[in-house]
């Protein structure tokens, strides 16, 4: 299946929107994944920290392994993993903290970062509903090495 640029942009936007919603509602979020199947259907999978043994890097590795299995089976054709990250210091980010979205297909792998800053204050936006005050910077996109679509095994 050829994944279109429109589909990839929709995946990245969906991942950023989901992360922003979780972050603003709860003040943080666990890594999550977005995948695209042969019919063009997007699926968002959250992760849950079940104990102190599982931290964000381990949850990301679990998502990567799940997606590698689905890629090998021909079930999915694009993935995006979202996480709360430290933006690499060599990038021209507005703030050092950010939402990272790591997009992969057979043809390309890109990392997108949405810098943010917050002072940790929650404000009431509706009666009884609070949101974290967050200021977002300009998104940054860079090429990256594949983690999921490098499924061919070396002989």
N, C-alpha and C. Protein backbone atom coordinates (compact mmCIF):
# COMPACT_ATOMS: atom_id res chain seq x y z
N UNK A 1 0.84 -1.18 0.00
CA UNK A 1 0.00 0.00 0.00
C UNK A 1 0.89 1.25 0.00
N UNK A 2 0.57 2.19 -0.84
CA UNK A 2 1.27 3.47 -0.83
C UNK A 2 0.54 4.41 0.13
N UNK A 3 1.26 4.90 1.10
CA UNK A 3 0.71 5.83 2.06
C UNK A 3 0.88 7.24 1.51
N UNK A 4 -0.18 8.02 1.50
CA UNK A 4 -0.11 9.36 0.93
C UNK A 4 0.41 10.37 1.95
N UNK A 5 0.90 11.49 1.42
CA UNK A 5 1.35 12.58 2.29
C UNK A 5 0.20 13.10 3.14
N UNK A 6 -1.00 13.12 2.58
CA UNK A 6 -2.18 13.57 3.34
C UNK A 6 -2.42 12.65 4.53
N UNK A 7 -2.32 11.35 4.33
CA UNK A 7 -2.50 10.39 5.43
C UNK A 7 -1.43 10.57 6.50
N UNK A 8 -0.18 10.77 6.07
CA UNK A 8 0.91 10.95 7.04
C UNK A 8 0.71 12.23 7.84
N UNK A 9 0.32 13.30 7.18
CA UNK A 9 0.07 14.56 7.88
C UNK A 9 -1.08 14.39 8.88
N UNK A 10 -2.11 13.65 8.48
CA UNK A 10 -3.23 13.39 9.38
C UNK A 10 -2.79 12.58 10.60
N UNK A 11 -1.89 11.62 10.39
CA UNK A 11 -1.37 10.83 11.51
C UNK A 11 -0.60 11.71 12.49
N UNK A 12 0.28 12.57 11.97
CA UNK A 12 1.08 13.44 12.84
C UNK A 12 0.16 14.40 13.59
N UNK A 13 -0.78 15.01 12.88
CA UNK A 13 -1.71 15.93 13.54
C UNK A 13 -2.55 15.24 14.60
N UNK A 14 -3.03 14.03 14.29
CA UNK A 14 -3.81 13.27 15.28
C UNK A 14 -2.97 12.96 16.51
N UNK A 15 -1.72 12.59 16.29
CA UNK A 15 -0.84 12.28 17.42
C UNK A 15 -0.59 13.53 18.27
N UNK A 16 -0.29 14.66 17.63
CA UNK A 16 -0.09 15.89 18.39
C UNK A 16 -1.36 16.28 19.15
N UNK A 17 -2.51 16.19 18.50
CA UNK A 17 -3.76 16.56 19.16
C UNK A 17 -4.08 15.66 20.35
N UNK A 18 -3.86 14.36 20.19
CA UNK A 18 -4.09 13.42 21.29
C UNK A 18 -3.15 13.74 22.45
N UNK A 19 -1.87 13.95 22.15
CA UNK A 19 -0.89 14.25 23.20
C UNK A 19 -1.23 15.55 23.92
N UNK A 20 -1.59 16.58 23.16
CA UNK A 20 -1.96 17.86 23.77
C UNK A 20 -3.17 17.71 24.67
N UNK A 21 -4.16 16.96 24.22
CA UNK A 21 -5.36 16.74 25.03
C UNK A 21 -5.01 16.05 26.35
N UNK A 22 -4.23 14.98 26.28
CA UNK A 22 -3.85 14.24 27.49
C UNK A 22 -2.99 15.12 28.41
N UNK A 23 -2.03 15.83 27.82
CA UNK A 23 -1.12 16.67 28.59
C UNK A 23 -1.88 17.78 29.31
N UNK A 24 -2.75 18.46 28.58
CA UNK A 24 -3.48 19.58 29.17
C UNK A 24 -4.51 19.11 30.20
N UNK A 25 -5.04 17.91 30.02
CA UNK A 25 -6.02 17.39 30.96
C UNK A 25 -5.39 16.81 32.22
N UNK A 26 -4.26 16.11 32.06
CA UNK A 26 -3.67 15.38 33.18
C UNK A 26 -2.30 15.89 33.62
N UNK A 27 -1.67 16.76 32.85
CA UNK A 27 -0.35 17.28 33.21
C UNK A 27 0.80 16.43 32.74
N UNK A 28 0.52 15.31 32.09
CA UNK A 28 1.53 14.41 31.53
C UNK A 28 0.79 13.35 30.74
N UNK A 29 1.52 12.50 30.04
CA UNK A 29 0.89 11.39 29.33
C UNK A 29 1.92 10.30 29.11
N UNK A 30 1.42 9.09 28.97
CA UNK A 30 2.29 7.96 28.66
C UNK A 30 2.47 7.86 27.15
N UNK A 31 3.52 7.21 26.69
CA UNK A 31 3.69 7.03 25.26
C UNK A 31 2.47 6.32 24.65
N UNK A 32 2.22 6.63 23.39
CA UNK A 32 1.10 6.03 22.68
C UNK A 32 1.50 5.85 21.23
N UNK A 33 0.70 5.09 20.50
CA UNK A 33 1.01 4.85 19.09
C UNK A 33 -0.20 5.09 18.21
N UNK A 34 0.10 5.42 16.96
CA UNK A 34 -0.91 5.58 15.92
C UNK A 34 -0.45 4.71 14.75
N UNK A 35 -1.37 3.93 14.19
CA UNK A 35 -1.01 3.10 13.03
C UNK A 35 -2.04 3.29 11.92
N UNK A 36 -1.64 2.93 10.71
CA UNK A 36 -2.49 3.04 9.54
C UNK A 36 -2.53 1.68 8.86
N UNK A 37 -3.75 1.14 8.65
CA UNK A 37 -3.86 -0.17 8.03
C UNK A 37 -4.11 -0.05 6.52
N UNK A 38 -4.30 -1.20 5.85
CA UNK A 38 -4.44 -1.24 4.40
C UNK A 38 -5.66 -0.48 3.89
N UNK A 39 -6.69 -0.37 4.70
CA UNK A 39 -7.89 0.37 4.29
C UNK A 39 -7.75 1.86 4.57
N UNK A 40 -6.62 2.28 5.14
CA UNK A 40 -6.43 3.68 5.46
C UNK A 40 -7.02 4.08 6.80
N UNK A 41 -7.39 3.09 7.61
CA UNK A 41 -7.97 3.36 8.92
C UNK A 41 -6.86 3.60 9.94
N UNK A 42 -7.01 4.70 10.70
CA UNK A 42 -6.05 5.03 11.75
C UNK A 42 -6.52 4.43 13.08
N UNK A 43 -5.56 3.94 13.85
CA UNK A 43 -5.84 3.38 15.17
C UNK A 43 -4.88 4.02 16.17
N UNK A 44 -5.42 4.55 17.26
CA UNK A 44 -4.58 5.12 18.31
C UNK A 44 -4.58 4.16 19.48
N UNK A 45 -3.37 3.79 19.93
CA UNK A 45 -3.21 2.86 21.06
C UNK A 45 -2.48 3.56 22.19
N UNK A 46 -3.11 3.66 23.32
CA UNK A 46 -2.47 4.21 24.49
C UNK A 46 -1.71 3.14 25.24
N UNK A 47 -0.85 3.55 26.15
CA UNK A 47 -0.17 2.62 27.05
C UNK A 47 -0.50 3.03 28.47
N UNK A 48 -0.36 2.10 29.36
CA UNK A 48 -0.62 2.35 30.77
C UNK A 48 0.57 1.85 31.57
N UNK A 49 1.02 2.66 32.48
CA UNK A 49 2.11 2.25 33.37
C UNK A 49 1.49 1.41 34.47
N UNK A 50 1.78 0.12 34.45
CA UNK A 50 1.14 -0.78 35.41
C UNK A 50 1.90 -0.93 36.71
N UNK A 51 3.17 -0.64 36.68
CA UNK A 51 3.96 -0.72 37.91
C UNK A 51 5.23 0.11 37.74
N UNK A 52 6.01 0.16 38.79
CA UNK A 52 7.23 0.96 38.76
C UNK A 52 8.27 0.40 37.81
N UNK A 53 8.10 -0.84 37.38
CA UNK A 53 9.06 -1.48 36.49
C UNK A 53 9.00 -0.92 35.07
N UNK A 54 7.85 -0.37 34.67
CA UNK A 54 7.67 0.10 33.30
C UNK A 54 7.76 1.62 33.25
N UNK A 55 8.83 2.14 32.63
CA UNK A 55 8.92 3.57 32.44
C UNK A 55 8.70 3.88 30.96
N UNK A 56 8.70 5.16 30.60
CA UNK A 56 8.39 5.55 29.23
C UNK A 56 9.28 4.87 28.18
N UNK A 57 10.61 4.83 28.34
CA UNK A 57 11.41 4.14 27.31
C UNK A 57 11.00 2.68 27.10
N UNK A 58 10.67 2.00 28.19
CA UNK A 58 10.25 0.60 28.06
C UNK A 58 8.90 0.50 27.36
N UNK A 59 7.99 1.43 27.66
CA UNK A 59 6.69 1.43 27.00
C UNK A 59 6.85 1.71 25.50
N UNK A 60 7.78 2.58 25.13
CA UNK A 60 8.05 2.85 23.72
C UNK A 60 8.59 1.60 23.04
N UNK A 61 9.50 0.88 23.69
CA UNK A 61 10.02 -0.36 23.13
C UNK A 61 8.92 -1.40 22.93
N UNK A 62 7.97 -1.45 23.86
CA UNK A 62 6.85 -2.38 23.73
C UNK A 62 5.98 -2.01 22.52
N UNK A 63 5.72 -0.73 22.34
CA UNK A 63 4.95 -0.28 21.16
C UNK A 63 5.70 -0.62 19.88
N UNK A 64 7.01 -0.36 19.86
CA UNK A 64 7.81 -0.65 18.66
C UNK A 64 7.75 -2.13 18.32
N UNK A 65 7.87 -2.99 19.31
CA UNK A 65 7.83 -4.43 19.06
C UNK A 65 6.46 -4.85 18.55
N UNK A 66 5.40 -4.33 19.13
CA UNK A 66 4.05 -4.65 18.67
C UNK A 66 3.89 -4.24 17.21
N UNK A 67 4.36 -3.02 16.87
CA UNK A 67 4.22 -2.54 15.50
C UNK A 67 5.11 -3.31 14.53
N UNK A 68 6.32 -3.71 14.93
CA UNK A 68 7.18 -4.53 14.06
C UNK A 68 6.46 -5.82 13.67
N UNK A 69 5.82 -6.44 14.65
CA UNK A 69 5.08 -7.68 14.39
C UNK A 69 3.96 -7.43 13.39
N UNK A 70 3.24 -6.32 13.54
CA UNK A 70 2.14 -6.01 12.63
C UNK A 70 2.66 -5.65 11.23
N UNK A 71 3.81 -4.99 11.15
CA UNK A 71 4.40 -4.67 9.85
C UNK A 71 4.80 -5.96 9.14
N UNK A 72 5.47 -6.86 9.84
CA UNK A 72 5.89 -8.14 9.23
C UNK A 72 4.69 -8.94 8.73
N UNK A 73 3.56 -8.83 9.43
CA UNK A 73 2.35 -9.55 9.04
C UNK A 73 1.58 -8.83 7.93
N UNK A 74 2.04 -7.64 7.54
CA UNK A 74 1.36 -6.89 6.49
C UNK A 74 0.07 -6.23 6.95
N UNK A 75 -0.08 -6.05 8.25
CA UNK A 75 -1.32 -5.47 8.80
C UNK A 75 -1.32 -3.95 8.82
N UNK A 76 -0.15 -3.33 8.94
CA UNK A 76 -0.08 -1.87 9.01
C UNK A 76 1.01 -1.36 8.08
N UNK A 77 0.87 -0.09 7.66
CA UNK A 77 1.76 0.46 6.65
C UNK A 77 2.39 1.79 7.06
N UNK A 78 2.00 2.31 8.22
CA UNK A 78 2.61 3.52 8.77
C UNK A 78 2.38 3.51 10.27
N UNK A 79 3.35 4.06 11.00
CA UNK A 79 3.23 4.16 12.46
C UNK A 79 3.71 5.53 12.92
N UNK A 80 3.19 5.94 14.05
CA UNK A 80 3.67 7.15 14.72
C UNK A 80 3.61 6.87 16.21
N UNK A 81 4.72 7.10 16.89
CA UNK A 81 4.75 6.94 18.35
C UNK A 81 4.91 8.32 18.96
N UNK A 82 4.03 8.64 19.90
CA UNK A 82 4.07 9.93 20.58
C UNK A 82 4.56 9.77 22.01
N UNK A 83 5.35 10.74 22.47
CA UNK A 83 5.89 10.69 23.83
C UNK A 83 6.22 12.10 24.31
N UNK A 84 6.26 12.25 25.61
CA UNK A 84 6.71 13.49 26.24
C UNK A 84 8.23 13.40 26.31
N UNK A 85 8.93 14.32 25.64
CA UNK A 85 10.38 14.17 25.45
C UNK A 85 11.15 15.44 25.80
N UNK A 86 12.45 15.26 25.96
CA UNK A 86 13.39 16.37 25.96
C UNK A 86 13.82 16.54 24.51
N UNK A 87 13.67 17.74 23.98
CA UNK A 87 14.04 17.97 22.59
C UNK A 87 15.57 17.99 22.50
N UNK A 88 16.14 17.31 21.49
CA UNK A 88 17.60 17.31 21.36
C UNK A 88 18.14 18.75 21.35
N UNK A 89 19.17 19.02 22.15
CA UNK A 89 19.66 20.40 22.31
C UNK A 89 20.21 21.03 21.03
N UNK A 90 20.59 20.23 20.04
CA UNK A 90 21.12 20.80 18.80
C UNK A 90 20.01 21.35 17.90
N UNK A 91 18.75 21.08 18.23
CA UNK A 91 17.65 21.59 17.41
C UNK A 91 17.24 22.99 17.87
N UNK A 92 16.80 23.83 16.93
CA UNK A 92 16.42 25.21 17.27
C UNK A 92 15.01 25.30 17.85
N UNK A 93 14.81 24.70 19.01
CA UNK A 93 13.48 24.67 19.62
C UNK A 93 13.25 25.90 20.50
N UNK A 94 11.98 26.31 20.55
CA UNK A 94 11.60 27.44 21.40
C UNK A 94 11.76 27.11 22.88
N UNK A 95 11.55 25.83 23.23
CA UNK A 95 11.63 25.37 24.63
C UNK A 95 12.29 23.99 24.64
N UNK A 96 12.92 23.59 25.75
CA UNK A 96 13.62 22.30 25.77
C UNK A 96 12.69 21.09 25.92
N UNK A 97 11.48 21.29 26.44
CA UNK A 97 10.53 20.18 26.60
C UNK A 97 9.62 20.14 25.39
N UNK A 98 9.14 18.94 25.07
CA UNK A 98 8.26 18.87 23.91
C UNK A 98 7.51 17.56 23.81
N UNK A 99 6.57 17.59 22.89
CA UNK A 99 5.86 16.38 22.47
C UNK A 99 6.61 15.88 21.25
N UNK A 100 7.03 14.63 21.28
CA UNK A 100 7.71 14.03 20.15
C UNK A 100 6.77 13.06 19.44
N UNK A 101 6.76 13.12 18.13
CA UNK A 101 6.01 12.17 17.32
C UNK A 101 6.99 11.59 16.31
N UNK A 102 7.14 10.27 16.34
CA UNK A 102 8.14 9.57 15.53
C UNK A 102 7.40 8.75 14.48
N UNK A 103 7.39 9.26 13.25
CA UNK A 103 6.60 8.74 12.14
C UNK A 103 7.45 7.84 11.25
N UNK A 104 6.90 6.66 10.90
CA UNK A 104 7.64 5.75 10.04
C UNK A 104 6.75 5.09 9.00
N UNK A 105 7.32 4.91 7.80
CA UNK A 105 6.77 4.07 6.75
C UNK A 105 7.95 3.31 6.15
N UNK A 106 7.69 2.48 5.18
CA UNK A 106 8.80 1.79 4.50
C UNK A 106 9.69 2.79 3.77
N UNK A 107 9.12 3.90 3.34
CA UNK A 107 9.85 4.87 2.53
C UNK A 107 10.58 5.93 3.35
N UNK A 108 10.11 6.25 4.55
CA UNK A 108 10.75 7.34 5.30
C UNK A 108 10.52 7.21 6.80
N UNK A 109 11.37 7.90 7.52
CA UNK A 109 11.27 7.98 8.99
C UNK A 109 11.59 9.41 9.39
N UNK A 110 10.68 10.03 10.14
CA UNK A 110 10.87 11.42 10.55
C UNK A 110 10.45 11.59 12.00
N UNK A 111 11.15 12.48 12.68
CA UNK A 111 10.79 12.86 14.04
C UNK A 111 10.24 14.28 13.99
N UNK A 112 9.12 14.49 14.67
CA UNK A 112 8.51 15.81 14.78
C UNK A 112 8.45 16.18 16.25
N UNK A 113 8.82 17.41 16.54
CA UNK A 113 8.81 17.88 17.92
C UNK A 113 7.93 19.13 18.02
N UNK A 114 7.10 19.17 19.05
CA UNK A 114 6.30 20.36 19.36
C UNK A 114 6.76 20.86 20.72
N UNK A 115 7.61 21.90 20.73
CA UNK A 115 8.12 22.42 22.01
C UNK A 115 6.98 23.01 22.84
N UNK A 116 7.14 22.92 24.17
CA UNK A 116 6.15 23.54 25.05
C UNK A 116 6.82 24.05 26.32
N UNK A 117 6.11 24.93 26.99
CA UNK A 117 6.51 25.36 28.32
C UNK A 117 5.24 25.50 29.16
N UNK A 118 5.38 25.27 30.44
CA UNK A 118 4.26 25.41 31.36
C UNK A 118 4.81 25.73 32.75
N UNK A 119 4.02 26.45 33.52
CA UNK A 119 4.43 26.69 34.91
C UNK A 119 3.70 25.75 35.86
N UNK A 120 2.95 24.79 35.30
CA UNK A 120 2.28 23.78 36.11
C UNK A 120 0.92 24.18 36.64
N UNK A 121 0.44 25.37 36.27
CA UNK A 121 -0.86 25.81 36.77
C UNK A 121 -2.00 25.23 35.95
N UNK A 122 -3.02 24.77 36.66
CA UNK A 122 -4.27 24.35 36.03
C UNK A 122 -5.28 25.46 36.23
N UNK A 123 -6.05 25.75 35.19
CA UNK A 123 -7.07 26.78 35.28
C UNK A 123 -8.42 26.17 34.90
N UNK A 124 -9.47 26.70 35.48
CA UNK A 124 -10.81 26.22 35.18
C UNK A 124 -11.25 26.80 33.84
N UNK A 125 -11.65 25.93 32.91
CA UNK A 125 -12.09 26.40 31.60
C UNK A 125 -13.61 26.30 31.47
N UNK A 126 -14.19 25.34 32.12
CA UNK A 126 -15.63 25.17 32.21
C UNK A 126 -15.92 24.89 33.67
N UNK A 127 -17.15 24.99 34.03
CA UNK A 127 -17.51 24.73 35.42
C UNK A 127 -17.04 23.34 35.82
N UNK A 128 -16.08 23.29 36.73
CA UNK A 128 -15.57 22.03 37.24
C UNK A 128 -14.55 21.34 36.35
N UNK A 129 -14.19 21.93 35.22
CA UNK A 129 -13.22 21.29 34.32
C UNK A 129 -11.98 22.17 34.23
N UNK A 130 -10.83 21.59 34.56
CA UNK A 130 -9.58 22.33 34.56
C UNK A 130 -8.66 21.83 33.46
N UNK A 131 -7.78 22.72 33.01
CA UNK A 131 -6.77 22.40 32.01
C UNK A 131 -5.45 23.01 32.43
N UNK A 132 -4.37 22.30 32.10
CA UNK A 132 -3.03 22.80 32.34
C UNK A 132 -2.76 23.93 31.36
N UNK A 133 -2.22 25.04 31.86
CA UNK A 133 -1.82 26.14 30.98
C UNK A 133 -0.53 25.76 30.29
N UNK A 134 -0.54 25.72 28.97
CA UNK A 134 0.63 25.32 28.18
C UNK A 134 0.81 26.32 27.06
N UNK A 135 2.05 26.71 26.82
CA UNK A 135 2.38 27.54 25.68
C UNK A 135 3.22 26.68 24.74
N UNK A 136 2.77 26.58 23.48
CA UNK A 136 3.46 25.76 22.50
C UNK A 136 4.30 26.62 21.57
N UNK A 137 5.43 26.08 21.17
CA UNK A 137 6.31 26.75 20.22
C UNK A 137 6.06 26.24 18.81
N UNK A 138 7.00 26.51 17.93
CA UNK A 138 6.91 26.09 16.53
C UNK A 138 7.38 24.64 16.39
N UNK A 139 6.62 23.82 15.66
CA UNK A 139 7.04 22.43 15.45
C UNK A 139 8.31 22.33 14.62
N UNK A 140 9.05 21.27 14.85
CA UNK A 140 10.31 21.00 14.15
C UNK A 140 10.24 19.57 13.61
N UNK A 141 10.67 19.35 12.38
CA UNK A 141 10.72 18.02 11.81
C UNK A 141 12.12 17.71 11.30
N UNK A 142 12.59 16.50 11.58
CA UNK A 142 13.92 16.08 11.11
C UNK A 142 13.86 14.61 10.67
N UNK A 143 14.79 14.22 9.82
CA UNK A 143 14.92 12.81 9.43
C UNK A 143 15.46 12.02 10.61
N UNK A 144 15.11 10.75 10.67
CA UNK A 144 15.62 9.88 11.74
C UNK A 144 15.82 8.48 11.18
N UNK A 145 16.54 7.66 11.92
CA UNK A 145 16.73 6.26 11.54
C UNK A 145 15.48 5.47 11.90
N UNK A 146 15.11 4.50 11.08
CA UNK A 146 13.91 3.71 11.40
C UNK A 146 14.12 2.81 12.61
N UNK A 147 13.07 2.64 13.38
CA UNK A 147 13.07 1.74 14.52
C UNK A 147 12.08 0.58 14.30
N UNK A 148 11.06 0.81 13.49
CA UNK A 148 9.99 -0.17 13.29
C UNK A 148 10.08 -0.81 11.91
N UNK A 149 10.32 -0.01 10.89
CA UNK A 149 10.30 -0.52 9.52
C UNK A 149 11.65 -1.05 9.05
N UNK A 150 12.56 -1.30 9.97
CA UNK A 150 13.81 -1.99 9.62
C UNK A 150 13.61 -3.47 9.97
N UNK A 151 12.60 -4.07 9.31
CA UNK A 151 12.17 -5.40 9.70
C UNK A 151 12.93 -6.54 9.01
N UNK A 152 13.68 -6.23 7.94
CA UNK A 152 14.43 -7.29 7.28
C UNK A 152 15.58 -7.71 8.19
N UNK A 153 15.73 -9.01 8.33
CA UNK A 153 16.80 -9.53 9.16
C UNK A 153 18.05 -9.75 8.32
N UNK A 154 19.20 -9.39 8.89
CA UNK A 154 20.45 -9.58 8.20
C UNK A 154 20.83 -11.06 8.21
N UNK A 155 21.34 -11.55 7.08
CA UNK A 155 21.68 -12.99 6.98
C UNK A 155 22.99 -13.28 7.67
